[in-house]
Amino acid sequence: MGKLIIIAAAIINLSLEGLLKEAEQNNPEILSSKNEYEAYALRVNPANFPPDPVLFLSGKTAMREFGVFIEQNIPAPKKLSALAEITNNEALLKLEKIKDIKITVLSEVSKEYFEYSYLNNVLEIHKEVKDIYENMSKIVAANYSTGKASLAELSRILSKIAQTQTEINRIQGEIESVRAKISYLVGKDVMIEKLNTLPYPKDTRIIHIAEAELENAPKIKIAKIEKEIKQNEKNLAKAEYYPDLSVRIGGTYSRDFGAGVEVMFGLSIPVYSRWKQSQIVLSKTIEEKAYENLLEKTILETKSLLKEKASTLIYSFENIKLYQEALDHAHVSVKSTLSRWTTGKINLTDSLSAITEYLEIKIGLEKEKNEYWKAFSEIIRISGLDPLKTFKEVGIQ
C-alpha cells in the first residue's frame, strides 16, 4: 500500500523587519498608489499617449442622406512631446506620493507591532503574578484548614486570582485585536514574532535626525515642484501653438439604391480639441501650485507635531530610567515580603500590597517603553525617514 505523506506548512512568525517588508509588497494603499504611478509612467512615452476618439451622428433629410462619423484626434508631434512631458511630471509627483504613503503605513505597522509586544509582555507579567497568588492560596487554604487563617483571608486571595484571570482574558482579546489590525495593514493574515521585552532606548538622538530631515527634505520637494510648474507653463504655451489633427471617416447612403454606398475620407482641424488639451495642462499646473501651497502650510504644522512627539519621547525616556530603578528595588522587596509572610512575620494585607506595587511598576516600565517606541515610530512618519533603515540603526529588526 502506498504511504500517505502529509507535509505541514511551517507557520512563520514575522519580526518587525519581516512585517515591514510584507506591508511594502501587500498593503492595499501602497499597491494602489504604485498602480497609479505605473499607469502614468506608461503614458510618458509619446507613442503611448492616447488620442481622443469622438463619435457622432449626422443627417440631412432634404437630401435624404444620413451618415455616421468617427473622429480620431491625433496630436501633432511637438504637442505630443509637450503633453508627454507633463504626464512625466505627474508620474514623478505620484512617485513622491508612493513614498509618503509607504512611510505612513510602515510607521503605523511598527506602532502596532510595539503595542502587540507590549501587550504580550504585560500578559506574561499578569501570569507571573497569578502564579504567585495561586502559590499563596495553597498556603492560606492549608492554614485555614488548621485554623491559622480566616475565611476572609482565603476569600481575598481567591478574589485576587479571579481578578488577575479576568485581566489576562481581557489582554488576550486586545492582543488578537492588534494582530488583526497588523494583518490588515500588512495586507495578509500574519503570525507575529513578539519582542520578549521591548528594547531599552539608548538615547533621544532620533529627534535631531528627524529635525534635520524635516528641514531639508521639504525644501528639495518644493524646489522640484516649482521646477515642474515652470516646465508645465512652458509646455502649456507649446500645446496652445500646436493644434490637434483629426482624421474624419464618414459614410453616406443614397436613396437611389442603384448608386451603391460611397465612402468619403477627409481631414479637419477642430479648434475645440486644442482648447480641451490646453485646459488639461492648465488644470494640472493649478493643481501643482495648490499642492505647493499646501506643502508649505503642512511643513509648519509638521514641525509643531514633531515637537509634541519629541516631548513624549523624552518624557518616556526619563520615566524608563525611574521605573527601572524602582523595579530593581521592588523585585528584591517582593521576594523578601513573600518570605516573611510565609514565616508569619507579616500579614496577608502587607504581602498583597507589595505584590500589587511590583505588578504596577513592572507594567509601568513596559508601558513607558511602549510609549517611547510608538513616539519613535510617529517621528519617523512625521519626518519622512526610512522606517526599515532607521529601526535597523537602533538594533530592531
Protein backbone atom coordinates (compact mmCIF):
# COMPACT_ATOMS: atom_id res chain seq x y z
CA MET A 1 0.00 0.00 0.00
CA GLY A 2 1.17 3.47 -0.74
CA LYS A 3 2.11 5.72 2.14
CA LEU A 4 0.25 8.95 2.70
CA ILE A 5 2.78 11.69 3.35
CA ILE A 6 1.49 14.90 4.90
CA ILE A 7 3.78 17.90 4.83
CA ALA A 8 2.66 20.64 7.19
CA ALA A 9 3.35 24.15 6.01
CA ALA A 10 5.56 25.94 8.50
CA ILE A 11 3.98 28.96 10.14
CA ILE A 12 6.49 31.76 10.08
CA ASN A 13 6.40 34.33 12.85
CA LEU A 14 7.39 37.63 11.29
CA SER A 15 9.73 40.06 13.02
CA LEU A 16 9.29 43.82 12.64
CA GLU A 17 11.55 43.81 9.58
CA GLY A 18 9.54 40.96 8.05
CA LEU A 19 6.25 42.75 8.70
CA LEU A 20 7.51 45.98 7.13
CA LYS A 21 8.74 44.14 4.03
CA GLU A 22 5.43 42.27 3.69
CA ALA A 23 3.50 45.53 4.06
CA GLU A 24 5.56 47.10 1.27
CA GLN A 25 4.52 44.23 -1.01
CA ASN A 26 0.90 43.69 0.05
CA ASN A 27 -0.65 46.78 1.67
CA PRO A 28 -3.66 47.78 -0.49
CA GLU A 29 -2.99 51.52 -0.23
CA ILE A 30 0.66 51.14 -1.25
CA LEU A 31 -0.28 48.82 -4.13
CA SER A 32 -2.97 51.23 -5.33
CA SER A 33 -0.53 54.17 -5.37
CA LYS A 34 2.05 52.03 -7.22
CA ASN A 35 -0.52 51.02 -9.85
CA GLU A 36 -1.50 54.66 -10.29
CA TYR A 37 2.14 55.65 -10.78
CA GLU A 38 2.81 52.80 -13.24
CA ALA A 39 -0.23 53.80 -15.30
CA TYR A 40 1.17 57.34 -15.62
CA ALA A 41 4.70 56.10 -16.23
CA LEU A 42 3.49 54.09 -19.23
CA ARG A 43 2.00 57.23 -20.76
CA VAL A 44 5.28 59.16 -20.64
CA ASN A 45 6.33 57.72 -24.00
CA PRO A 46 4.71 59.89 -26.73
CA ALA A 47 3.86 56.71 -28.64
CA ASN A 48 1.64 55.65 -25.72
CA PHE A 49 -0.10 58.99 -25.31
CA PRO A 50 -3.77 58.24 -26.03
CA PRO A 51 -5.66 60.30 -28.62
CA ASP A 52 -9.29 61.33 -28.07
CA PRO A 53 -11.91 59.46 -30.15
CA VAL A 54 -15.22 61.21 -30.87
CA LEU A 55 -18.32 59.50 -32.31
CA PHE A 56 -21.30 61.50 -33.61
CA LEU A 57 -24.34 61.15 -35.92
CA SER A 58 -25.27 63.47 -38.78
CA GLY A 59 -28.14 63.59 -41.27
CA LYS A 60 -29.79 65.78 -43.95
CA THR A 61 -33.44 64.97 -44.51
CA ALA A 62 -33.79 67.33 -47.51
CA MET A 63 -31.12 65.40 -49.43
CA ARG A 64 -32.39 62.13 -47.99
CA GLU A 65 -28.91 61.30 -46.66
CA PHE A 66 -27.63 60.22 -43.31
CA GLY A 67 -24.17 59.34 -42.01
CA VAL A 68 -22.17 58.07 -39.07
CA PHE A 69 -18.86 59.82 -38.46
CA ILE A 70 -15.90 58.89 -36.28
CA GLU A 71 -13.20 61.43 -35.50
CA GLN A 72 -9.86 60.34 -34.08
CA ASN A 73 -7.78 63.20 -32.68
CA ILE A 74 -4.09 62.80 -33.46
CA PRO A 75 -1.91 65.38 -31.65
CA ALA A 76 0.86 66.98 -33.69
CA PRO A 77 4.39 65.70 -32.81
CA LYS A 78 5.54 68.79 -30.88
CA LYS A 79 2.33 68.97 -28.92
CA LEU A 80 2.53 65.25 -28.25
CA SER A 81 6.02 65.74 -26.80
CA ALA A 82 4.80 68.63 -24.62
CA LEU A 83 1.90 66.61 -23.24
CA ALA A 84 4.18 63.65 -22.59
CA GLU A 85 6.48 65.90 -20.52
CA ILE A 86 3.51 66.99 -18.43
CA THR A 87 2.49 63.38 -17.93
CA ASN A 88 6.04 62.62 -16.83
CA ASN A 89 5.82 65.38 -14.20
CA GLU A 90 2.55 63.91 -12.96
CA ALA A 91 4.21 60.50 -12.73
CA LEU A 92 7.06 61.97 -10.65
CA LEU A 93 4.56 63.52 -8.24
CA LYS A 94 2.80 60.17 -7.93
CA LEU A 95 6.17 58.56 -7.18
CA GLU A 96 6.56 61.03 -4.29
CA LYS A 97 3.06 60.07 -3.16
CA ILE A 98 4.06 56.37 -3.04
CA LYS A 99 6.95 57.26 -0.72
CA ASP A 100 4.69 59.29 1.58
CA ILE A 101 2.05 56.55 1.74
CA LYS A 102 4.68 53.86 2.32
CA ILE A 103 6.27 55.74 5.24
CA THR A 104 2.84 56.36 6.80
CA VAL A 105 1.79 52.70 6.50
CA LEU A 106 5.12 51.28 7.72
CA SER A 107 5.28 53.59 10.73
CA GLU A 108 1.72 52.53 11.60
CA VAL A 109 2.75 48.85 11.33
CA SER A 110 5.70 49.47 13.67
CA LYS A 111 3.47 51.25 16.23
CA GLU A 112 1.05 48.33 16.27
CA TYR A 113 3.96 45.87 16.46
CA PHE A 114 5.27 47.57 19.61
CA GLU A 115 1.73 47.56 21.03
CA TYR A 116 1.50 43.83 20.28
CA SER A 117 4.81 43.10 22.02
CA TYR A 118 3.86 45.34 24.94
CA LEU A 119 0.54 43.53 25.48
CA ASN A 120 2.24 40.13 25.30
CA ASN A 121 4.78 41.22 27.90
CA VAL A 122 2.03 42.58 30.17
CA LEU A 123 0.21 39.27 29.72
CA GLU A 124 3.29 37.38 30.94
CA ILE A 125 3.58 39.73 33.96
CA HIS A 126 -0.04 39.01 34.93
CA LYS A 127 0.55 35.27 34.52
CA GLU A 128 3.62 35.56 36.76
CA VAL A 129 1.58 37.38 39.43
CA LYS A 130 -1.27 34.88 39.11
CA ASP A 131 1.23 32.06 39.81
CA ILE A 132 2.34 33.94 42.95
CA TYR A 133 -1.28 34.31 44.09
CA GLU A 134 -2.01 30.63 43.42
CA ASN A 135 1.01 29.52 45.45
CA MET A 136 -0.11 31.85 48.25
CA SER A 137 -3.67 30.48 48.07
CA LYS A 138 -2.38 26.96 48.73
CA ILE A 139 -0.65 28.15 51.89
CA VAL A 140 -3.72 30.14 53.00
CA ALA A 141 -6.01 27.15 52.31
CA ALA A 142 -3.75 24.88 54.37
CA ASN A 143 -3.66 27.43 57.20
CA TYR A 144 -7.44 27.83 57.01
CA SER A 145 -7.92 24.08 57.46
CA THR A 146 -5.84 24.22 60.64
CA GLY A 147 -7.44 27.43 61.86
CA LYS A 148 -4.36 29.61 61.30
CA ALA A 149 -6.04 31.68 58.56
CA SER A 150 -9.53 33.16 58.36
CA LEU A 151 -12.18 32.61 55.67
CA ALA A 152 -11.87 36.32 54.79
CA GLU A 153 -8.15 35.84 54.01
CA LEU A 154 -8.89 32.82 51.83
CA SER A 155 -11.67 34.68 50.00
CA ARG A 156 -9.38 37.65 49.47
CA ILE A 157 -6.58 35.66 47.85
CA LEU A 158 -9.06 33.71 45.67
CA SER A 159 -10.57 37.04 44.60
CA LYS A 160 -7.10 38.25 43.55
CA ILE A 161 -6.68 35.13 41.40
CA ALA A 162 -10.07 35.71 39.73
CA GLN A 163 -9.32 39.40 39.10
CA THR A 164 -5.96 38.56 37.57
CA GLN A 165 -7.51 35.89 35.32
CA THR A 166 -10.13 38.40 34.15
CA GLU A 167 -7.32 40.82 33.25
CA ILE A 168 -5.47 38.03 31.42
CA ASN A 169 -8.58 37.29 29.34
CA ARG A 170 -9.02 40.99 28.51
CA ILE A 171 -5.39 41.36 27.42
CA GLN A 172 -5.60 38.23 25.25
CA GLY A 173 -8.57 39.80 23.46
CA GLU A 174 -6.60 43.00 22.90
CA ILE A 175 -3.64 41.03 21.56
CA GLU A 176 -5.82 39.33 18.96
CA SER A 177 -7.38 42.67 18.02
CA VAL A 178 -3.93 44.22 17.46
CA ARG A 179 -2.81 41.18 15.44
CA ALA A 180 -5.88 41.61 13.22
CA LYS A 181 -5.04 45.29 12.73
CA ILE A 182 -1.44 44.44 11.80
CA SER A 183 -2.71 41.83 9.32
CA TYR A 184 -4.96 44.48 7.77
CA LEU A 185 -2.08 46.95 7.45
CA VAL A 186 0.26 44.29 6.04
CA GLY A 187 -2.39 43.15 3.56
CA LYS A 188 -2.44 39.48 4.58
CA ASP A 189 -3.03 37.35 7.68
CA VAL A 190 0.24 37.18 9.62
CA MET A 191 1.72 35.49 12.66
CA ILE A 192 3.91 37.85 14.66
CA GLU A 193 7.20 37.27 16.43
CA LYS A 194 6.83 39.35 19.57
CA LEU A 195 9.73 41.01 21.35
CA ASN A 196 10.24 39.18 24.66
CA THR A 197 10.90 42.55 26.16
CA LEU A 198 10.64 45.92 24.49
CA PRO A 199 14.20 47.15 23.88
CA TYR A 200 15.65 49.78 26.17
CA PRO A 201 16.07 53.12 24.37
CA LYS A 202 19.71 54.20 24.21
CA ASP A 203 19.17 57.90 23.61
CA THR A 204 16.90 60.54 22.06
CA ARG A 205 19.04 61.42 19.04
CA ILE A 206 16.22 60.39 16.66
CA ILE A 207 14.74 63.83 17.41
CA HIS A 208 17.79 65.64 15.98
CA ILE A 209 17.89 63.31 12.95
CA ALA A 210 14.19 63.98 12.31
CA GLU A 211 14.59 67.75 12.70
CA ALA A 212 17.41 67.77 10.14
CA GLU A 213 15.38 65.65 7.72
CA LEU A 214 12.34 67.86 8.15
CA GLU A 215 14.43 70.95 7.50
CA ASN A 216 16.00 69.70 4.25
CA ALA A 217 13.62 67.21 2.59
CA PRO A 218 10.63 69.58 2.12
CA LYS A 219 12.88 72.25 0.59
CA ILE A 220 14.04 69.73 -2.00
CA LYS A 221 10.44 68.67 -2.65
CA ILE A 222 9.23 72.26 -3.04
CA ALA A 223 12.12 73.08 -5.40
CA LYS A 224 11.20 70.04 -7.50
CA ILE A 225 7.54 71.08 -7.68
CA GLU A 226 8.45 74.67 -8.62
CA LYS A 227 10.65 73.33 -11.42
CA GLU A 228 7.78 71.15 -12.68
CA ILE A 229 5.34 74.08 -12.57
CA LYS A 230 7.69 76.23 -14.70
CA GLN A 231 8.11 73.37 -17.16
CA ASN A 232 4.33 72.92 -17.31
CA GLU A 233 3.86 76.60 -18.09
CA LYS A 234 6.31 76.27 -21.00
CA ASN A 235 4.54 73.15 -22.18
CA LEU A 236 1.21 74.93 -21.94
CA ALA A 237 2.48 77.56 -24.37
CA LYS A 238 3.68 74.82 -26.73
CA ALA A 239 0.37 72.99 -26.52
CA GLU A 240 -1.59 76.10 -27.49
CA TYR A 241 0.51 76.66 -30.62
CA TYR A 242 0.20 73.13 -31.94
CA PRO A 243 -3.46 72.17 -32.54
CA ASP A 244 -4.68 68.59 -32.80
CA LEU A 245 -5.25 66.99 -36.17
CA SER A 246 -8.35 64.90 -36.59
CA VAL A 247 -8.89 62.11 -39.13
CA ARG A 248 -12.55 62.06 -40.17
CA ILE A 249 -14.09 58.88 -41.51
CA GLY A 250 -17.66 59.15 -42.83
CA GLY A 251 -20.19 57.28 -44.91
CA THR A 252 -23.35 58.27 -46.82
CA TYR A 253 -26.23 56.26 -48.16
CA SER A 254 -28.18 57.48 -51.21
CA ARG A 255 -31.89 56.94 -51.70
CA ASP A 256 -31.08 55.61 -55.15
CA PHE A 257 -30.23 52.04 -54.24
CA GLY A 258 -28.52 51.55 -57.54
CA ALA A 259 -25.92 54.16 -56.68
CA GLY A 260 -24.41 51.93 -54.03
CA VAL A 261 -22.50 53.09 -50.99
CA GLU A 262 -19.99 55.92 -51.04
CA VAL A 263 -17.18 56.13 -48.51
CA MET A 264 -15.55 59.53 -48.03
CA PHE A 265 -12.33 60.46 -46.22
CA GLY A 266 -11.49 63.95 -45.06
CA LEU A 267 -9.14 65.96 -42.84
CA SER A 268 -10.29 68.57 -40.32
CA ILE A 269 -8.72 70.73 -37.59
CA PRO A 270 -11.18 71.04 -34.69
CA VAL A 271 -10.47 74.07 -32.50
CA TYR A 272 -12.35 72.59 -29.52
CA SER A 273 -9.84 69.76 -29.18
CA ARG A 274 -6.88 72.16 -28.95
CA TRP A 275 -8.72 74.16 -26.29
CA LYS A 276 -9.55 70.99 -24.36
CA GLN A 277 -5.93 69.80 -24.23
CA SER A 278 -4.75 73.26 -23.17
CA GLN A 279 -7.25 73.26 -20.32
CA ILE A 280 -5.96 69.89 -19.11
CA VAL A 281 -2.42 71.24 -18.99
CA LEU A 282 -3.57 74.40 -17.24
CA SER A 283 -5.56 72.49 -14.60
CA LYS A 284 -2.52 70.32 -13.81
CA THR A 285 -0.40 73.44 -13.31
CA ILE A 286 -3.02 74.91 -10.96
CA GLU A 287 -3.17 71.62 -9.03
CA GLU A 288 0.61 71.61 -8.57
CA LYS A 289 0.63 75.22 -7.37
CA ALA A 290 -2.09 74.35 -4.86
CA TYR A 291 -0.06 71.33 -3.76
CA GLU A 292 2.99 73.54 -3.25
CA ASN A 293 1.00 75.96 -1.06
CA LEU A 294 -0.44 73.05 0.92
CA LEU A 295 3.03 71.58 1.36
CA GLU A 296 4.42 74.84 2.76
CA LYS A 297 1.49 75.03 5.21
CA THR A 298 1.95 71.37 6.14
CA ILE A 299 5.65 71.89 6.94
CA LEU A 300 4.78 74.38 9.69
CA GLU A 301 2.14 72.03 11.12
CA THR A 302 4.54 69.08 10.89
CA LYS A 303 7.29 70.88 12.80
CA SER A 304 4.79 71.61 15.56
CA LEU A 305 3.69 67.96 15.63
CA LEU A 306 7.32 66.83 15.75
CA LYS A 307 7.90 68.95 18.86
CA GLU A 308 4.88 67.32 20.50
CA LYS A 309 6.08 63.77 19.75
CA ALA A 310 9.64 64.68 20.74
CA SER A 311 8.33 65.77 24.16
CA THR A 312 6.53 62.43 24.56
CA LEU A 313 9.68 60.54 23.62
CA ILE A 314 11.89 62.49 26.06
CA TYR A 315 9.31 62.16 28.86
CA SER A 316 9.09 58.38 28.38
CA PHE A 317 12.87 58.09 28.11
CA GLU A 318 13.31 59.73 31.52
CA ASN A 319 10.47 57.72 33.08
CA ILE A 320 12.03 54.45 31.90
CA LYS A 321 15.13 55.16 34.00
CA LEU A 322 12.97 55.86 37.07
CA TYR A 323 10.83 52.76 36.60
CA GLN A 324 13.87 50.54 36.09
CA GLU A 325 15.41 51.78 39.32
CA ALA A 326 12.10 51.26 41.16
CA LEU A 327 11.72 47.77 39.67
CA ASP A 328 15.15 46.70 40.91
CA HIS A 329 14.06 47.59 44.46
CA ALA A 330 10.54 46.14 44.05
CA HIS A 331 11.91 42.82 42.80
CA VAL A 332 14.03 42.41 45.94
CA SER A 333 11.18 43.69 48.12
CA VAL A 334 8.54 41.25 46.85
CA LYS A 335 10.84 38.25 47.39
CA SER A 336 11.61 39.41 50.93
CA THR A 337 7.93 40.12 51.64
CA LEU A 338 6.77 36.68 50.49
CA SER A 339 9.47 35.03 52.55
CA ARG A 340 8.45 36.98 55.66
CA TRP A 341 4.76 36.30 55.03
CA THR A 342 5.41 32.55 54.70
CA THR A 343 7.11 32.54 58.11
CA GLY A 344 4.28 34.61 59.63
CA LYS A 345 6.32 37.75 60.25
CA ILE A 346 3.92 39.99 58.26
CA ASN A 347 0.21 39.73 57.48
CA LEU A 348 -1.55 38.99 54.17
CA THR A 349 -2.52 42.62 53.56
CA ASP A 350 1.11 43.81 53.59
CA SER A 351 2.25 40.99 51.31
CA LEU A 352 -0.56 41.66 48.78
CA SER A 353 0.32 45.37 48.79
CA ALA A 354 3.95 44.50 47.94
CA ILE A 355 2.82 42.27 45.05
CA THR A 356 0.46 44.97 43.72
CA GLU A 357 3.28 47.52 43.81
CA TYR A 358 5.60 45.09 41.99
CA LEU A 359 2.92 44.49 39.34
CA GLU A 360 2.29 48.21 38.80
CA ILE A 361 5.99 49.06 38.50
CA LYS A 362 6.71 46.22 36.08
CA ILE A 363 3.74 47.11 33.87
CA GLY A 364 4.62 50.81 34.16
CA LEU A 365 8.11 50.12 32.81
CA GLU A 366 6.75 48.19 29.80
CA LYS A 367 4.18 50.92 29.18
CA GLU A 368 6.79 53.69 29.11
CA LYS A 369 8.98 51.67 26.73
CA ASN A 370 5.93 51.15 24.52
CA GLU A 371 5.17 54.89 24.59
CA TYR A 372 8.79 55.64 23.66
CA TRP A 373 8.81 53.32 20.64
CA LYS A 374 5.39 54.45 19.45
CA ALA A 375 6.58 58.07 19.61
CA PHE A 376 9.73 56.92 17.79
CA SER A 377 7.52 55.44 15.02
CA GLU A 378 5.49 58.65 14.81
CA ILE A 379 8.66 60.73 14.48
CA ILE A 380 9.74 58.51 11.58
CA ARG A 381 6.40 59.14 9.86
CA ILE A 382 6.39 62.88 10.52
CA SER A 383 9.93 63.45 9.26
CA GLY A 384 9.75 61.05 6.30
CA LEU A 385 12.68 58.86 7.40
CA ASP A 386 13.05 55.33 6.01
CA PRO A 387 11.43 53.02 8.63
CA LEU A 388 13.41 49.86 7.79
CA LYS A 389 16.74 51.66 7.75
CA THR A 390 16.01 53.68 10.91
CA PHE A 391 14.91 50.68 13.00
CA LYS A 392 17.97 48.71 11.88
CA GLU A 393 20.19 51.55 13.07
CA VAL A 394 18.75 51.26 16.59
CA GLY A 395 19.03 47.46 16.59
CA ILE A 396 15.39 46.47 15.99
CA GLN A 397 14.79 44.04 13.12
